[in-house]
């Protein structure tokens, strides 16, 4: 007995509705010619990685920030035209950005 049949036994009065699958459209990011800057700083004694220099719209930069945070499973924020990621993830972030077609320049250390 599969899960679908078990649910029918538990809820015999339930009427199935047609559900539509919503596919999230992949947003095309603006790829710039100038390199983005990926640098390391310590703020209040904690390591942070800062990404600056994106020339596209703020919405695109926020989407990029969310994608980086999701892929690395870390916290971070988008503030003052820069992405601030908790921890030192310069190498991983640079690899992610290069895969997307961005030019990245490592600054500091």
N, C-alpha and C. Protein backbone atom coordinates (compact mmCIF):
# COMPACT_ATOMS: atom_id res chain seq x y z
N UNK A 1 0.85 -1.17 0.00
CA UNK A 1 0.00 0.00 0.00
C UNK A 1 0.90 1.24 0.00
N UNK A 2 0.69 2.09 -0.97
CA UNK A 2 1.53 3.28 -1.05
C UNK A 2 0.92 4.41 -0.21
N UNK A 3 1.64 5.48 -0.14
CA UNK A 3 1.25 6.62 0.70
C UNK A 3 -0.09 7.21 0.27
N UNK A 4 -0.31 7.27 -1.03
CA UNK A 4 -1.55 7.84 -1.56
C UNK A 4 -2.78 7.05 -1.07
N UNK A 5 -2.68 5.75 -1.09
CA UNK A 5 -3.78 4.90 -0.63
C UNK A 5 -3.98 5.02 0.89
N UNK A 6 -2.89 5.13 1.62
CA UNK A 6 -3.00 5.28 3.07
C UNK A 6 -3.69 6.59 3.43
N UNK A 7 -3.38 7.64 2.70
CA UNK A 7 -4.03 8.93 2.96
C UNK A 7 -5.53 8.86 2.63
N UNK A 8 -5.88 8.13 1.57
CA UNK A 8 -7.30 7.97 1.24
C UNK A 8 -8.04 7.24 2.36
N UNK A 9 -7.39 6.24 2.98
CA UNK A 9 -8.00 5.52 4.09
C UNK A 9 -8.18 6.42 5.32
N UNK A 10 -7.21 7.29 5.56
CA UNK A 10 -7.28 8.18 6.71
C UNK A 10 -8.31 9.29 6.51
N UNK A 11 -8.41 9.80 5.30
CA UNK A 11 -9.30 10.92 4.99
C UNK A 11 -10.22 10.54 3.83
N UNK A 12 -11.24 9.75 4.09
CA UNK A 12 -12.10 9.27 3.00
C UNK A 12 -12.96 10.39 2.37
N UNK A 13 -13.25 11.46 3.11
CA UNK A 13 -14.10 12.54 2.60
C UNK A 13 -13.32 13.58 1.79
N UNK A 14 -12.03 13.45 1.78
CA UNK A 14 -11.20 14.45 1.11
C UNK A 14 -11.36 14.34 -0.41
N UNK A 15 -11.57 15.49 -1.04
CA UNK A 15 -11.67 15.55 -2.50
C UNK A 15 -10.36 16.12 -3.04
N UNK A 16 -9.75 15.38 -3.93
CA UNK A 16 -8.48 15.83 -4.49
C UNK A 16 -8.70 16.99 -5.43
N UNK A 17 -7.88 17.99 -5.28
CA UNK A 17 -7.94 19.13 -6.19
C UNK A 17 -6.75 19.07 -7.13
N UNK A 18 -6.94 19.64 -8.29
CA UNK A 18 -5.83 19.64 -9.24
C UNK A 18 -4.82 20.68 -8.78
N UNK A 19 -3.63 20.26 -8.60
CA UNK A 19 -2.60 21.19 -8.19
C UNK A 19 -1.67 21.45 -9.36
N UNK A 20 -1.33 22.70 -9.49
CA UNK A 20 -0.44 23.10 -10.57
C UNK A 20 0.96 23.25 -10.00
N UNK A 21 1.89 22.81 -10.77
CA UNK A 21 3.28 22.96 -10.36
C UNK A 21 3.77 24.32 -10.82
N UNK A 22 4.24 25.08 -9.87
CA UNK A 22 4.78 26.38 -10.19
C UNK A 22 6.29 26.27 -10.30
N UNK A 23 6.80 26.55 -11.47
CA UNK A 23 8.24 26.51 -11.68
C UNK A 23 8.78 27.93 -11.55
N UNK A 24 9.78 28.04 -10.71
CA UNK A 24 10.37 29.35 -10.50
C UNK A 24 11.24 29.68 -11.70
N UNK A 25 10.95 30.81 -12.33
CA UNK A 25 11.72 31.20 -13.49
C UNK A 25 13.12 31.61 -13.06
N UNK A 26 14.10 31.16 -13.82
CA UNK A 26 15.48 31.53 -13.52
C UNK A 26 15.69 32.94 -14.04
N UNK A 27 16.08 33.83 -13.15
CA UNK A 27 16.27 35.23 -13.50
C UNK A 27 17.65 35.40 -14.12
N UNK A 28 17.72 36.07 -15.24
CA UNK A 28 18.99 36.30 -15.91
C UNK A 28 19.68 37.50 -15.28
N UNK A 29 20.88 37.30 -14.74
CA UNK A 29 21.61 38.37 -14.08
C UNK A 29 22.43 39.15 -15.10
N UNK A 30 22.61 40.43 -14.83
CA UNK A 30 23.44 41.29 -15.67
C UNK A 30 24.90 40.92 -15.44
N UNK A 31 25.61 40.52 -16.50
CA UNK A 31 27.03 40.17 -16.40
C UNK A 31 27.83 41.40 -16.83
N UNK A 32 28.67 41.87 -15.94
CA UNK A 32 29.41 43.10 -16.19
C UNK A 32 30.82 42.81 -16.68
N UNK A 33 31.45 43.85 -17.22
CA UNK A 33 32.82 43.70 -17.73
C UNK A 33 33.86 43.92 -16.64
N UNK A 34 33.57 44.80 -15.71
CA UNK A 34 34.50 45.08 -14.62
C UNK A 34 34.40 43.97 -13.57
N UNK A 35 35.52 43.60 -12.95
CA UNK A 35 35.46 42.53 -11.94
C UNK A 35 34.80 43.00 -10.64
N UNK A 36 34.11 42.08 -10.00
CA UNK A 36 33.56 42.34 -8.68
C UNK A 36 34.66 42.12 -7.66
N UNK A 37 34.58 42.79 -6.54
CA UNK A 37 35.62 42.69 -5.51
C UNK A 37 35.12 41.80 -4.39
N UNK A 38 35.93 40.80 -4.04
CA UNK A 38 35.61 39.87 -2.96
C UNK A 38 36.69 40.04 -1.91
N UNK A 39 36.33 40.58 -0.75
CA UNK A 39 37.35 40.85 0.28
C UNK A 39 36.94 40.28 1.63
N UNK A 40 37.93 40.15 2.48
CA UNK A 40 37.78 39.58 3.82
C UNK A 40 38.00 40.69 4.84
N UNK A 41 37.10 40.76 5.82
CA UNK A 41 37.25 41.72 6.92
C UNK A 41 36.85 41.06 8.22
N UNK A 42 37.35 41.62 9.30
CA UNK A 42 36.88 41.21 10.62
C UNK A 42 36.06 42.35 11.16
N UNK A 43 34.82 42.03 11.50
CA UNK A 43 33.92 43.02 12.08
C UNK A 43 33.50 42.54 13.45
N UNK A 44 33.81 43.34 14.45
CA UNK A 44 33.53 42.99 15.85
C UNK A 44 34.12 41.63 16.20
N UNK A 45 35.31 41.36 15.67
CA UNK A 45 36.01 40.12 15.98
C UNK A 45 35.56 38.91 15.19
N UNK A 46 34.58 39.08 14.31
CA UNK A 46 34.07 37.96 13.53
C UNK A 46 34.47 38.11 12.07
N UNK A 47 34.76 36.99 11.43
CA UNK A 47 35.17 36.99 10.03
C UNK A 47 33.97 37.23 9.12
N UNK A 48 34.13 38.12 8.13
CA UNK A 48 33.08 38.36 7.15
C UNK A 48 33.70 38.44 5.76
N UNK A 49 32.95 38.03 4.77
CA UNK A 49 33.34 38.15 3.38
C UNK A 49 32.42 39.18 2.75
N UNK A 50 33.01 40.14 2.04
CA UNK A 50 32.24 41.23 1.45
C UNK A 50 32.42 41.22 -0.06
N UNK A 51 31.31 41.30 -0.78
CA UNK A 51 31.33 41.33 -2.23
C UNK A 51 30.79 42.68 -2.66
N UNK A 52 31.57 43.41 -3.47
CA UNK A 52 31.20 44.75 -3.91
C UNK A 52 31.47 44.90 -5.40
N UNK A 53 30.93 45.96 -5.96
CA UNK A 53 31.27 46.32 -7.33
C UNK A 53 30.30 45.82 -8.38
N UNK A 54 29.08 45.44 -8.02
CA UNK A 54 28.12 44.98 -9.01
C UNK A 54 27.47 46.20 -9.65
N UNK A 55 27.41 46.23 -10.98
CA UNK A 55 26.89 47.39 -11.69
C UNK A 55 25.43 47.24 -12.12
N UNK A 56 24.83 46.08 -11.91
CA UNK A 56 23.44 45.85 -12.30
C UNK A 56 22.47 46.46 -11.30
N UNK A 57 21.23 46.04 -11.37
CA UNK A 57 20.21 46.58 -10.47
C UNK A 57 20.34 45.97 -9.08
N UNK A 58 19.77 46.66 -8.11
CA UNK A 58 19.81 46.17 -6.72
C UNK A 58 19.06 44.85 -6.59
N UNK A 59 17.96 44.71 -7.35
CA UNK A 59 17.18 43.47 -7.29
C UNK A 59 18.02 42.28 -7.75
N UNK A 60 18.79 42.45 -8.81
CA UNK A 60 19.66 41.38 -9.28
C UNK A 60 20.71 41.03 -8.24
N UNK A 61 21.25 42.05 -7.59
CA UNK A 61 22.28 41.83 -6.57
C UNK A 61 21.69 41.11 -5.36
N UNK A 62 20.44 41.43 -5.01
CA UNK A 62 19.77 40.74 -3.90
C UNK A 62 19.52 39.28 -4.25
N UNK A 63 19.13 39.01 -5.49
CA UNK A 63 18.93 37.62 -5.94
C UNK A 63 20.24 36.86 -5.86
N UNK A 64 21.32 37.49 -6.29
CA UNK A 64 22.65 36.87 -6.23
C UNK A 64 23.05 36.61 -4.78
N UNK A 65 22.77 37.54 -3.88
CA UNK A 65 23.09 37.37 -2.46
C UNK A 65 22.34 36.19 -1.88
N UNK A 66 21.06 36.08 -2.20
CA UNK A 66 20.26 34.97 -1.69
C UNK A 66 20.78 33.64 -2.21
N UNK A 67 21.16 33.60 -3.47
CA UNK A 67 21.66 32.36 -4.06
C UNK A 67 22.98 31.93 -3.40
N UNK A 68 23.87 32.88 -3.16
CA UNK A 68 25.15 32.57 -2.51
C UNK A 68 24.91 32.06 -1.10
N UNK A 69 24.04 32.74 -0.35
CA UNK A 69 23.76 32.32 1.03
C UNK A 69 23.15 30.94 1.06
N UNK A 70 22.29 30.64 0.09
CA UNK A 70 21.64 29.33 0.04
C UNK A 70 22.64 28.24 -0.30
N UNK A 71 23.49 28.48 -1.29
CA UNK A 71 24.46 27.47 -1.71
C UNK A 71 25.48 27.17 -0.61
N UNK A 72 25.87 28.20 0.14
CA UNK A 72 26.88 28.00 1.18
C UNK A 72 26.25 27.67 2.53
N UNK A 73 24.95 27.80 2.65
CA UNK A 73 24.23 27.57 3.91
C UNK A 73 24.78 28.44 5.04
N UNK A 74 24.91 29.71 4.75
CA UNK A 74 25.42 30.66 5.74
C UNK A 74 24.49 31.86 5.82
N UNK A 75 24.69 32.65 6.84
CA UNK A 75 23.93 33.88 7.00
C UNK A 75 24.62 35.03 6.32
N UNK A 76 23.89 36.07 6.09
CA UNK A 76 24.47 37.25 5.47
C UNK A 76 23.40 38.28 5.21
N UNK A 77 23.79 39.39 4.60
CA UNK A 77 22.86 40.46 4.32
C UNK A 77 23.29 41.21 3.08
N UNK A 78 22.36 42.00 2.55
CA UNK A 78 22.64 42.91 1.45
C UNK A 78 22.48 44.31 2.00
N UNK A 79 23.58 45.07 2.01
CA UNK A 79 23.53 46.40 2.62
C UNK A 79 24.50 47.32 1.90
N UNK A 80 24.08 48.54 1.61
CA UNK A 80 24.92 49.58 1.01
C UNK A 80 25.64 49.09 -0.25
N UNK A 81 24.90 48.51 -1.17
CA UNK A 81 25.45 48.01 -2.44
C UNK A 81 26.57 47.00 -2.25
N UNK A 82 26.49 46.19 -1.21
CA UNK A 82 27.46 45.11 -1.01
C UNK A 82 26.76 43.93 -0.33
N UNK A 83 27.30 42.75 -0.59
CA UNK A 83 26.80 41.54 0.05
C UNK A 83 27.76 41.21 1.18
N UNK A 84 27.24 41.02 2.38
CA UNK A 84 28.06 40.68 3.54
C UNK A 84 27.69 39.27 3.96
N UNK A 85 28.67 38.36 3.88
CA UNK A 85 28.47 36.96 4.21
C UNK A 85 29.22 36.66 5.51
N UNK A 86 28.59 35.94 6.42
CA UNK A 86 29.24 35.59 7.69
C UNK A 86 30.26 34.48 7.44
N UNK A 87 31.52 34.74 7.80
CA UNK A 87 32.57 33.75 7.66
C UNK A 87 33.48 34.06 6.48
N UNK A 88 34.61 33.35 6.41
CA UNK A 88 35.58 33.54 5.33
C UNK A 88 35.32 32.50 4.24
N UNK A 89 34.57 32.89 3.24
CA UNK A 89 34.21 32.00 2.14
C UNK A 89 34.65 32.56 0.80
N UNK A 90 35.77 33.31 0.78
CA UNK A 90 36.20 33.97 -0.46
C UNK A 90 36.38 32.99 -1.61
N UNK A 91 37.09 31.89 -1.36
CA UNK A 91 37.37 30.94 -2.45
C UNK A 91 36.09 30.33 -3.00
N UNK A 92 35.18 29.92 -2.13
CA UNK A 92 33.93 29.30 -2.57
C UNK A 92 33.05 30.31 -3.30
N UNK A 93 32.98 31.54 -2.80
CA UNK A 93 32.16 32.57 -3.43
C UNK A 93 32.73 32.92 -4.80
N UNK A 94 34.05 33.03 -4.88
CA UNK A 94 34.67 33.35 -6.16
C UNK A 94 34.41 32.24 -7.17
N UNK A 95 34.43 31.00 -6.73
CA UNK A 95 34.14 29.87 -7.62
C UNK A 95 32.68 29.93 -8.12
N UNK A 96 31.75 30.22 -7.22
CA UNK A 96 30.33 30.33 -7.60
C UNK A 96 30.14 31.45 -8.61
N UNK A 97 30.75 32.62 -8.36
CA UNK A 97 30.59 33.76 -9.26
C UNK A 97 31.23 33.51 -10.62
N UNK A 98 32.37 32.83 -10.64
CA UNK A 98 33.02 32.52 -11.91
C UNK A 98 32.19 31.55 -12.73
N UNK A 99 31.53 30.59 -12.06
CA UNK A 99 30.64 29.67 -12.77
C UNK A 99 29.48 30.41 -13.43
N UNK A 100 29.03 31.51 -12.82
CA UNK A 100 27.93 32.30 -13.36
C UNK A 100 28.39 33.26 -14.45
N UNK A 101 29.70 33.37 -14.66
CA UNK A 101 30.22 34.22 -15.72
C UNK A 101 30.77 35.56 -15.26
N UNK A 102 30.83 35.80 -13.96
CA UNK A 102 31.36 37.06 -13.44
C UNK A 102 32.88 37.01 -13.36
N UNK A 103 33.48 38.17 -13.47
CA UNK A 103 34.91 38.30 -13.20
C UNK A 103 35.02 38.74 -11.74
N UNK A 104 35.93 38.10 -11.01
CA UNK A 104 36.05 38.39 -9.58
C UNK A 104 37.50 38.67 -9.26
N UNK A 105 37.71 39.69 -8.43
CA UNK A 105 39.05 40.05 -7.99
C UNK A 105 39.13 39.87 -6.48
N UNK A 106 40.14 39.14 -6.02
CA UNK A 106 40.34 38.90 -4.60
C UNK A 106 41.15 40.04 -4.00
N UNK A 107 40.66 40.60 -2.91
CA UNK A 107 41.34 41.72 -2.27
C UNK A 107 41.61 41.37 -0.83
N UNK A 108 42.84 41.60 -0.37
CA UNK A 108 43.21 41.38 1.03
C UNK A 108 43.48 39.94 1.36
N UNK A 109 44.68 39.67 1.78
CA UNK A 109 45.04 38.33 2.26
C UNK A 109 45.18 37.30 1.25
